[in-house]
Amino acid sequence: MYIPKQFKIDDEEVIYDFIEKYGFATLFSKHKGEPYATHLPLMLNKSENSLYGHLARSNEQWKDAENQQVLAVFQGPHCYISPSWYETTKAVPTWNYVSIHLYGKMEIVEDREVISDNLNDLVNKYERPDSPYNINDVDPSFIEGMSKGIVAFRIKITKIEAKAKLSQNHPVERQVLIINHLEDTSQQDNIQVASLMKKNLQK
């Protein structure tokens, strides 16, 4: 990923927190000689420096992705930035966003306990605290049957690239103007980008 110096995220905890918050990723590998992508939730295990997930068994990406160097892309909030918001007309449109790229070797996981733990972690993360659903209440034979339709995997992380393009290359006064315009909207991505820009200015 192309990352100008002013947009690079170096803080590991910031990167990990971002992945925890925006866990729905795009997984890229090479399949039958062509680039191939699947959109799926991935779980980060910081102590192992690994990502866990699963693919539908009928999705043939897993058949040749094992032992490949794969790429998982986590995309956060993003939005259009209009030059009409600036104090000058000598400007062009741009786009603000945050994106994290994780590279690593994929390995297929056969251990049923690891697969069960991963499914439990996904449910516990995304179900609301007051949800009546509990995966432990589901008939184990049903879960076992459904599990046969997936292929679990682990990605041992070998490289991380992290980028936050939040108008850092513009004067502070202009960044404030952008924040004000982004906050004057009901679009959630705009509001989230404005919040990230504010935090960036407070550093």
Protein backbone atom coordinates (compact mmCIF):
# COMPACT_ATOMS: atom_id res chain seq x y z
CA MET A 1 0.00 0.00 0.00
CA TYR A 2 1.27 3.47 -0.86
CA ILE A 3 1.65 5.36 2.44
CA PRO A 4 3.08 8.89 2.51
CA LYS A 5 4.94 9.50 5.77
CA GLN A 6 2.32 11.84 7.25
CA PHE A 7 -0.43 9.22 6.81
CA LYS A 8 1.37 6.24 8.32
CA ILE A 9 0.04 4.69 11.55
CA ASP A 10 2.91 3.33 13.67
CA ASP A 11 1.15 2.75 16.99
CA GLU A 12 0.47 -0.98 17.27
CA GLU A 13 -2.33 -0.54 19.81
CA VAL A 14 -4.11 1.94 17.54
CA ILE A 15 -3.86 -0.59 14.71
CA TYR A 16 -5.17 -3.45 16.86
CA ASP A 17 -8.03 -1.34 18.23
CA PHE A 18 -9.00 -0.42 14.68
CA ILE A 19 -9.08 -4.09 13.62
CA GLU A 20 -11.22 -4.93 16.65
CA LYS A 21 -13.68 -2.18 15.74
CA TYR A 22 -13.78 -2.77 11.98
CA GLY A 23 -13.43 -6.54 11.87
CA PHE A 24 -15.19 -7.19 8.56
CA ALA A 25 -12.33 -7.64 6.10
CA THR A 26 -11.55 -8.53 2.51
CA LEU A 27 -9.25 -11.53 2.16
CA PHE A 28 -7.13 -11.65 -1.00
CA SER A 29 -5.18 -14.60 -2.36
CA LYS A 30 -4.34 -16.11 -5.71
CA HIS A 31 -6.80 -18.74 -6.93
CA LYS A 32 -6.27 -20.63 -10.17
CA GLY A 33 -3.71 -18.05 -11.22
CA GLU A 34 -6.02 -15.06 -10.69
CA PRO A 35 -6.52 -12.57 -7.83
CA TYR A 36 -9.43 -13.71 -5.64
CA ALA A 37 -11.23 -12.00 -2.77
CA THR A 38 -13.71 -13.01 -0.08
CA HIS A 39 -15.50 -10.62 2.30
CA LEU A 40 -15.71 -12.00 5.83
CA PRO A 41 -15.26 -11.23 9.54
CA LEU A 42 -11.82 -11.97 10.97
CA MET A 43 -10.85 -12.27 14.62
CA LEU A 44 -7.52 -10.96 15.89
CA ASN A 45 -5.54 -12.97 18.44
CA LYS A 46 -2.90 -10.53 19.68
CA SER A 47 -1.05 -13.04 21.84
CA GLU A 48 -0.53 -15.29 18.80
CA ASN A 49 -0.10 -12.40 16.34
CA SER A 50 -2.70 -14.17 14.20
CA LEU A 51 -6.05 -13.75 12.49
CA TYR A 52 -8.74 -16.43 12.63
CA GLY A 53 -11.68 -16.93 10.32
CA HIS A 54 -13.56 -19.42 8.22
CA LEU A 55 -14.69 -19.83 4.63
CA ALA A 56 -17.65 -21.70 3.22
CA ARG A 57 -16.36 -25.11 2.14
CA SER A 58 -17.93 -24.49 -1.27
CA ASN A 59 -15.78 -21.35 -1.65
CA GLU A 60 -12.74 -22.84 -3.35
CA GLN A 61 -10.41 -20.05 -2.23
CA TRP A 62 -9.27 -22.22 0.67
CA LYS A 63 -8.09 -25.03 -1.61
CA ASP A 64 -5.01 -23.20 -2.83
CA ALA A 65 -4.68 -20.35 -0.30
CA GLU A 66 -3.04 -22.59 2.31
CA ASN A 67 0.62 -21.64 2.73
CA GLN A 68 0.15 -18.66 0.41
CA GLN A 69 1.11 -15.16 1.45
CA VAL A 70 -2.41 -13.69 1.71
CA LEU A 71 -3.62 -10.16 2.33
CA ALA A 72 -6.43 -9.11 4.69
CA VAL A 73 -7.71 -5.55 4.21
CA PHE A 74 -9.66 -3.83 6.98
CA GLN A 75 -11.46 -0.73 5.74
CA GLY A 76 -12.70 1.88 8.17
CA PRO A 77 -14.82 5.01 7.68
CA HIS A 78 -14.19 7.00 4.50
CA CYS A 79 -15.66 10.06 2.84
CA TYR A 80 -15.38 12.59 0.05
CA ILE A 81 -13.69 15.91 0.85
CA SER A 82 -14.94 18.84 -1.24
CA PRO A 83 -12.57 21.71 -2.13
CA SER A 84 -15.57 24.03 -1.69
CA TRP A 85 -15.00 23.65 2.06
CA TYR A 86 -11.56 25.28 1.89
CA GLU A 87 -10.64 28.92 2.24
CA THR A 88 -9.32 28.96 -1.34
CA THR A 89 -10.50 27.85 -4.78
CA LYS A 90 -7.02 26.61 -5.67
CA ALA A 91 -7.71 23.06 -4.54
CA VAL A 92 -8.93 19.71 -5.80
CA PRO A 93 -11.29 17.07 -4.36
CA THR A 94 -9.89 14.20 -2.31
CA TRP A 95 -10.99 11.29 -0.12
CA ASN A 96 -10.24 10.70 3.57
CA TYR A 97 -10.10 7.16 4.94
CA VAL A 98 -8.40 4.65 7.22
CA SER A 99 -7.22 1.27 5.96
CA ILE A 100 -5.14 -1.53 7.51
CA HIS A 101 -3.40 -4.22 5.46
CA LEU A 102 -2.26 -7.42 7.18
CA TYR A 103 -0.11 -9.96 5.36
CA GLY A 104 0.58 -13.51 6.45
CA LYS A 105 0.70 -17.20 5.70
CA MET A 106 -2.63 -19.01 5.80
CA GLU A 107 -2.97 -22.44 7.37
CA ILE A 108 -6.08 -24.61 7.55
CA VAL A 109 -7.26 -25.41 11.10
CA GLU A 110 -8.62 -28.91 11.72
CA ASP A 111 -8.78 -28.76 15.53
CA ARG A 112 -12.50 -28.85 16.42
CA GLU A 113 -11.91 -27.09 19.73
CA VAL A 114 -10.15 -24.18 18.01
CA ILE A 115 -12.98 -23.95 15.47
CA SER A 116 -15.59 -23.97 18.24
CA ASP A 117 -13.71 -21.28 20.17
CA ASN A 118 -13.51 -19.10 17.05
CA LEU A 119 -17.25 -19.41 16.40
CA ASN A 120 -18.00 -18.58 20.04
CA ASP A 121 -15.70 -15.55 19.88
CA LEU A 122 -17.47 -14.26 16.76
CA VAL A 123 -20.91 -14.64 18.33
CA ASN A 124 -19.81 -13.07 21.63
CA LYS A 125 -18.27 -10.12 19.81
CA TYR A 126 -21.18 -9.27 17.53
CA GLU A 127 -24.28 -10.28 19.51
CA ARG A 128 -25.68 -7.50 21.67
CA PRO A 129 -25.13 -8.01 25.42
CA ASP A 130 -28.91 -8.26 25.90
CA SER A 131 -29.42 -10.67 22.98
CA PRO A 132 -31.42 -13.80 23.83
CA TYR A 133 -29.22 -15.82 21.48
CA ASN A 134 -26.52 -18.00 23.00
CA ILE A 135 -24.64 -20.40 20.75
CA ASN A 136 -24.09 -22.70 23.74
CA ASP A 137 -27.86 -23.28 23.87
CA VAL A 138 -27.93 -24.62 20.31
CA ASP A 139 -28.09 -28.39 19.83
CA PRO A 140 -24.43 -29.52 19.55
CA SER A 141 -25.33 -31.93 16.74
CA PHE A 142 -26.75 -29.03 14.73
CA ILE A 143 -23.57 -26.98 15.27
CA GLU A 144 -21.48 -30.00 14.32
CA GLY A 145 -23.46 -30.43 11.12
CA MET A 146 -23.17 -26.77 10.18
CA SER A 147 -19.44 -26.80 10.95
CA LYS A 148 -18.92 -29.40 8.24
CA GLY A 149 -19.86 -26.72 5.74
CA ILE A 150 -16.99 -24.41 6.67
CA VAL A 151 -13.20 -24.46 6.53
CA ALA A 152 -11.45 -22.70 9.41
CA PHE A 153 -8.09 -21.04 8.99
CA ARG A 154 -5.39 -19.11 10.79
CA ILE A 155 -3.23 -16.36 9.29
CA LYS A 156 0.10 -15.84 11.02
CA ILE A 157 0.74 -12.13 10.56
CA THR A 158 4.09 -11.32 8.94
CA LYS A 159 3.62 -7.67 7.96
CA ILE A 160 1.29 -4.78 8.80
CA GLU A 161 0.66 -1.62 6.77
CA ALA A 162 -1.61 1.01 8.28
CA LYS A 163 -2.77 4.27 6.79
CA ALA A 164 -4.96 7.11 8.06
CA LYS A 165 -5.44 9.76 5.40
CA LEU A 166 -7.11 12.50 7.41
CA SER A 167 -6.01 15.74 5.69
CA GLN A 168 -2.79 15.86 7.75
CA ASN A 169 -1.07 17.38 4.70
CA HIS A 170 -3.26 20.50 5.01
CA PRO A 171 -2.91 23.42 7.46
CA VAL A 172 -4.66 22.99 10.80
CA GLU A 173 -7.10 25.79 9.97
CA ARG A 174 -8.23 23.93 6.86
CA GLN A 175 -8.56 20.67 8.77
CA VAL A 176 -10.90 22.43 11.19
CA LEU A 177 -13.01 23.66 8.27
CA ILE A 178 -13.24 20.10 6.95
CA ILE A 179 -14.25 18.77 10.37
CA ASN A 180 -17.00 21.39 10.65
CA HIS A 181 -18.45 20.43 7.28
CA LEU A 182 -18.26 16.71 8.01
CA GLU A 183 -20.04 17.17 11.34
CA ASP A 184 -22.82 19.12 9.63
CA THR A 185 -24.28 15.93 8.20
CA SER A 186 -26.19 12.81 9.22
CA GLN A 187 -23.87 10.46 7.32
CA GLN A 188 -22.14 8.18 9.82
CA ASP A 189 -18.92 7.81 7.82
CA ASN A 190 -18.55 11.60 7.67
CA ILE A 191 -19.10 11.92 11.41
CA GLN A 192 -16.63 9.12 12.17
CA VAL A 193 -13.96 10.64 9.92
CA ALA A 194 -14.49 14.00 11.63
CA SER A 195 -14.00 12.33 15.01
CA LEU A 196 -10.76 10.70 13.85
CA MET A 197 -9.53 14.02 12.49
CA LYS A 198 -10.25 15.70 15.82
CA LYS A 199 -8.27 13.05 17.70
CA ASN A 200 -5.42 13.46 15.26
CA LEU A 201 -5.30 17.22 15.88
CA GLN A 202 -5.18 16.65 19.65
CA LYS A 203 -1.95 14.63 19.47
